[in-house]
Amino acid sequence: MRSRKDHLIDAQLLTLHRAIADKLQLDKSLLDTADHLISQRAKSGRLSRGNHIAWMSLIEQLRTTQNVADILLKDNEEMRRLLRVSPLGNLLTESEREQAFAHAAGAQRADDIF
């Protein structure tokens, strides 16, 4: 069973990766940057061989899909595990990260009201 802390971390990662999915959907050329980020992490030892292979496979799927979010935001244990070692955070600027969290906070408040 996952702890409350795990749920919070997963929610934060999902928020960031929703923004990343939106950005990739608009500009799939950023997948080349993602390839580079993944390779850098693997070469520096910050991404295990298994996670490197999983992320490279995921990037190839993202290149051919119509909807990036369908793949990147899958709600399953494997995707939650991969998001925890995601090399894609650098695709967002600090401003884009802040916007993503502000948008998520606003949506949460609206859910609380209704």
C-alpha atoms as a PDB file:
ATOM      1  CA  MET A   1       0.000   0.000   0.000  1.00  0.00           C
ATOM      2  CA  ARG A   2       1.320   3.433  -0.930  1.00  0.00           C
ATOM      3  CA  SER A   3       1.721   6.074   1.746  1.00  0.00           C
ATOM      4  CA  ARG A   4       0.186   9.539   1.767  1.00  0.00           C
ATOM      5  CA  LYS A   5       3.666  10.897   0.971  1.00  0.00           C
ATOM      6  CA  ASP A   6       3.884   8.612  -2.086  1.00  0.00           C
ATOM      7  CA  HIS A   7       0.492   9.857  -3.288  1.00  0.00           C
ATOM      8  CA  LEU A   8       1.629  13.472  -2.886  1.00  0.00           C
ATOM      9  CA  ILE A   9       4.879  12.865  -4.772  1.00  0.00           C
ATOM     10  CA  ASP A  10       2.997  11.056  -7.545  1.00  0.00           C
ATOM     11  CA  ALA A  11       0.506  13.939  -7.811  1.00  0.00           C
ATOM     12  CA  GLN A  12       3.336  16.474  -8.118  1.00  0.00           C
ATOM     13  CA  LEU A  13       5.102  14.393 -10.753  1.00  0.00           C
ATOM     14  CA  LEU A  14       1.855  13.967 -12.661  1.00  0.00           C
ATOM     15  CA  THR A  15       1.333  17.739 -12.605  1.00  0.00           C
ATOM     16  CA  LEU A  16       4.785  18.346 -14.073  1.00  0.00           C
ATOM     17  CA  HIS A  17       4.452  15.606 -16.659  1.00  0.00           C
ATOM     18  CA  ARG A  18       1.026  16.875 -17.728  1.00  0.00           C
ATOM     19  CA  ALA A  19       2.742  20.175 -18.580  1.00  0.00           C
ATOM     20  CA  ILE A  20       5.558  18.272 -20.306  1.00  0.00           C
ATOM     21  CA  ALA A  21       3.003  16.255 -22.317  1.00  0.00           C
ATOM     22  CA  ASP A  22       1.267  19.474 -23.393  1.00  0.00           C
ATOM     23  CA  LYS A  23       4.595  20.975 -24.480  1.00  0.00           C
ATOM     24  CA  LEU A  24       5.635  17.829 -26.366  1.00  0.00           C
ATOM     25  CA  GLN A  25       2.243  17.654 -28.061  1.00  0.00           C
ATOM     26  CA  LEU A  26       2.822  21.149 -29.451  1.00  0.00           C
ATOM     27  CA  ASP A  27       6.445  20.529 -30.442  1.00  0.00           C
ATOM     28  CA  LYS A  28       7.495  16.926 -31.003  1.00  0.00           C
ATOM     29  CA  SER A  29      10.973  18.091 -32.016  1.00  0.00           C
ATOM     30  CA  LEU A  30      11.564  18.365 -28.252  1.00  0.00           C
ATOM     31  CA  LEU A  31      11.714  14.573 -28.250  1.00  0.00           C
ATOM     32  CA  ASP A  32      15.233  14.945 -29.696  1.00  0.00           C
ATOM     33  CA  THR A  33      16.132  16.997 -26.616  1.00  0.00           C
ATOM     34  CA  ALA A  34      14.526  14.305 -24.463  1.00  0.00           C
ATOM     35  CA  ASP A  35      16.704  11.666 -26.173  1.00  0.00           C
ATOM     36  CA  HIS A  36      19.759  13.724 -25.318  1.00  0.00           C
ATOM     37  CA  LEU A  37      18.689  14.214 -21.683  1.00  0.00           C
ATOM     38  CA  ILE A  38      18.077  10.479 -21.279  1.00  0.00           C
ATOM     39  CA  SER A  39      21.460   9.601 -22.769  1.00  0.00           C
ATOM     40  CA  GLN A  40      23.228  12.149 -20.560  1.00  0.00           C
ATOM     41  CA  ARG A  41      21.616  10.733 -17.430  1.00  0.00           C
ATOM     42  CA  ALA A  42      22.508   7.186 -18.430  1.00  0.00           C
ATOM     43  CA  LYS A  43      26.137   8.092 -19.207  1.00  0.00           C
ATOM     44  CA  SER A  44      26.514   9.902 -15.895  1.00  0.00           C
ATOM     45  CA  GLY A  45      25.128   6.904 -14.008  1.00  0.00           C
ATOM     46  CA  ARG A  46      22.012   8.753 -12.843  1.00  0.00           C
ATOM     47  CA  LEU A  47      19.709   6.468 -14.831  1.00  0.00           C
ATOM     48  CA  SER A  48      19.948   2.697 -14.539  1.00  0.00           C
ATOM     49  CA  ARG A  49      20.269   0.557 -17.650  1.00  0.00           C
ATOM     50  CA  GLY A  50      16.708  -0.735 -17.217  1.00  0.00           C
ATOM     51  CA  ASN A  51      15.263   2.754 -16.810  1.00  0.00           C
ATOM     52  CA  HIS A  52      17.361   3.991 -19.745  1.00  0.00           C
ATOM     53  CA  ILE A  53      15.876   1.302 -21.982  1.00  0.00           C
ATOM     54  CA  ALA A  54      12.362   1.968 -20.671  1.00  0.00           C
ATOM     55  CA  TRP A  55      12.645   5.735 -21.293  1.00  0.00           C
ATOM     56  CA  MET A  56      14.114   5.284 -24.781  1.00  0.00           C
ATOM     57  CA  SER A  57      11.234   2.943 -25.640  1.00  0.00           C
ATOM     58  CA  LEU A  58       8.758   5.440 -24.241  1.00  0.00           C
ATOM     59  CA  ILE A  59      10.261   8.260 -26.331  1.00  0.00           C
ATOM     60  CA  GLU A  60       9.891   6.139 -29.474  1.00  0.00           C
ATOM     61  CA  GLN A  61       6.217   5.562 -28.609  1.00  0.00           C
ATOM     62  CA  LEU A  62       5.748   9.306 -28.090  1.00  0.00           C
ATOM     63  CA  ARG A  63       7.151   9.988 -31.565  1.00  0.00           C
ATOM     64  CA  THR A  64       4.377   7.984 -33.216  1.00  0.00           C
ATOM     65  CA  THR A  65       1.349   8.682 -31.041  1.00  0.00           C
ATOM     66  CA  GLN A  66      -1.388  11.174 -31.776  1.00  0.00           C
ATOM     67  CA  ASN A  67      -1.822  12.023 -28.099  1.00  0.00           C
ATOM     68  CA  VAL A  68       1.341  12.282 -25.985  1.00  0.00           C
ATOM     69  CA  ALA A  69      -0.646  12.409 -22.733  1.00  0.00           C
ATOM     70  CA  ASP A  70      -2.177   8.975 -23.403  1.00  0.00           C
ATOM     71  CA  ILE A  71       1.282   7.456 -23.030  1.00  0.00           C
ATOM     72  CA  LEU A  72       3.087   9.796 -20.649  1.00  0.00           C
ATOM     73  CA  LEU A  73       0.233  10.042 -18.133  1.00  0.00           C
ATOM     74  CA  LYS A  74      -0.866   6.410 -17.955  1.00  0.00           C
ATOM     75  CA  ASP A  75      -2.170   5.613 -14.506  1.00  0.00           C
ATOM     76  CA  ASN A  76      -0.282   2.452 -13.652  1.00  0.00           C
ATOM     77  CA  GLU A  77       2.505   1.386 -11.317  1.00  0.00           C
ATOM     78  CA  GLU A  78       5.149   1.164 -14.066  1.00  0.00           C
ATOM     79  CA  MET A  79       4.503   4.711 -15.242  1.00  0.00           C
ATOM     80  CA  ARG A  80       4.511   6.040 -11.679  1.00  0.00           C
ATOM     81  CA  ARG A  81       7.883   4.338 -11.176  1.00  0.00           C
ATOM     82  CA  LEU A  82       9.287   5.825 -14.387  1.00  0.00           C
ATOM     83  CA  LEU A  83       8.061   9.328 -13.565  1.00  0.00           C
ATOM     84  CA  ARG A  84      10.074   9.156 -10.338  1.00  0.00           C
ATOM     85  CA  VAL A  85      13.279   8.852 -12.387  1.00  0.00           C
ATOM     86  CA  SER A  86      12.135  11.040 -15.250  1.00  0.00           C
ATOM     87  CA  PRO A  87      14.807  12.917 -17.180  1.00  0.00           C
ATOM     88  CA  LEU A  88      12.168  15.133 -18.814  1.00  0.00           C
ATOM     89  CA  GLY A  89      11.866  17.805 -16.139  1.00  0.00           C
ATOM     90  CA  ASN A  90      14.451  19.939 -17.930  1.00  0.00           C
ATOM     91  CA  LEU A  91      12.077  20.326 -20.858  1.00  0.00           C
ATOM     92  CA  LEU A  92      10.154  22.857 -18.756  1.00  0.00           C
ATOM     93  CA  THR A  93      11.390  26.276 -17.753  1.00  0.00           C
ATOM     94  CA  GLU A  94      11.049  27.318 -14.127  1.00  0.00           C
ATOM     95  CA  SER A  95       8.169  29.578 -15.158  1.00  0.00           C
ATOM     96  CA  GLU A  96       6.379  26.677 -16.864  1.00  0.00           C
ATOM     97  CA  ARG A  97       6.829  24.544 -13.729  1.00  0.00           C
ATOM     98  CA  GLU A  98       5.373  27.301 -11.556  1.00  0.00           C
ATOM     99  CA  GLN A  99       2.434  27.711 -13.952  1.00  0.00           C
ATOM    100  CA  ALA A 100       1.750  23.969 -13.875  1.00  0.00           C
ATOM    101  CA  PHE A 101       1.633  23.905 -10.078  1.00  0.00           C
ATOM    102  CA  ALA A 102      -0.468  27.079  -9.912  1.00  0.00           C
ATOM    103  CA  HIS A 103      -2.936  25.620 -12.416  1.00  0.00           C
ATOM    104  CA  ALA A 104      -3.110  22.348 -10.465  1.00  0.00           C
ATOM    105  CA  ALA A 105      -3.679  24.239  -7.190  1.00  0.00           C
ATOM    106  CA  GLY A 106      -6.490  26.231  -8.806  1.00  0.00           C
ATOM    107  CA  ALA A 107      -8.098  23.082 -10.157  1.00  0.00           C
ATOM    108  CA  GLN A 108      -7.858  21.445  -6.732  1.00  0.00           C
ATOM    109  CA  ARG A 109      -9.562  24.428  -5.074  1.00  0.00           C
ATOM    110  CA  ALA A 110     -12.351  24.278  -7.668  1.00  0.00           C
ATOM    111  CA  ASP A 111     -12.791  20.544  -6.960  1.00  0.00           C
ATOM    112  CA  ASP A 112     -13.010  21.295  -3.244  1.00  0.00           C
ATOM    113  CA  ILE A 113     -15.747  23.862  -3.853  1.00  0.00           C
ATOM    114  CA  PHE A 114     -17.866  21.703  -6.149  1.00  0.00           C
END
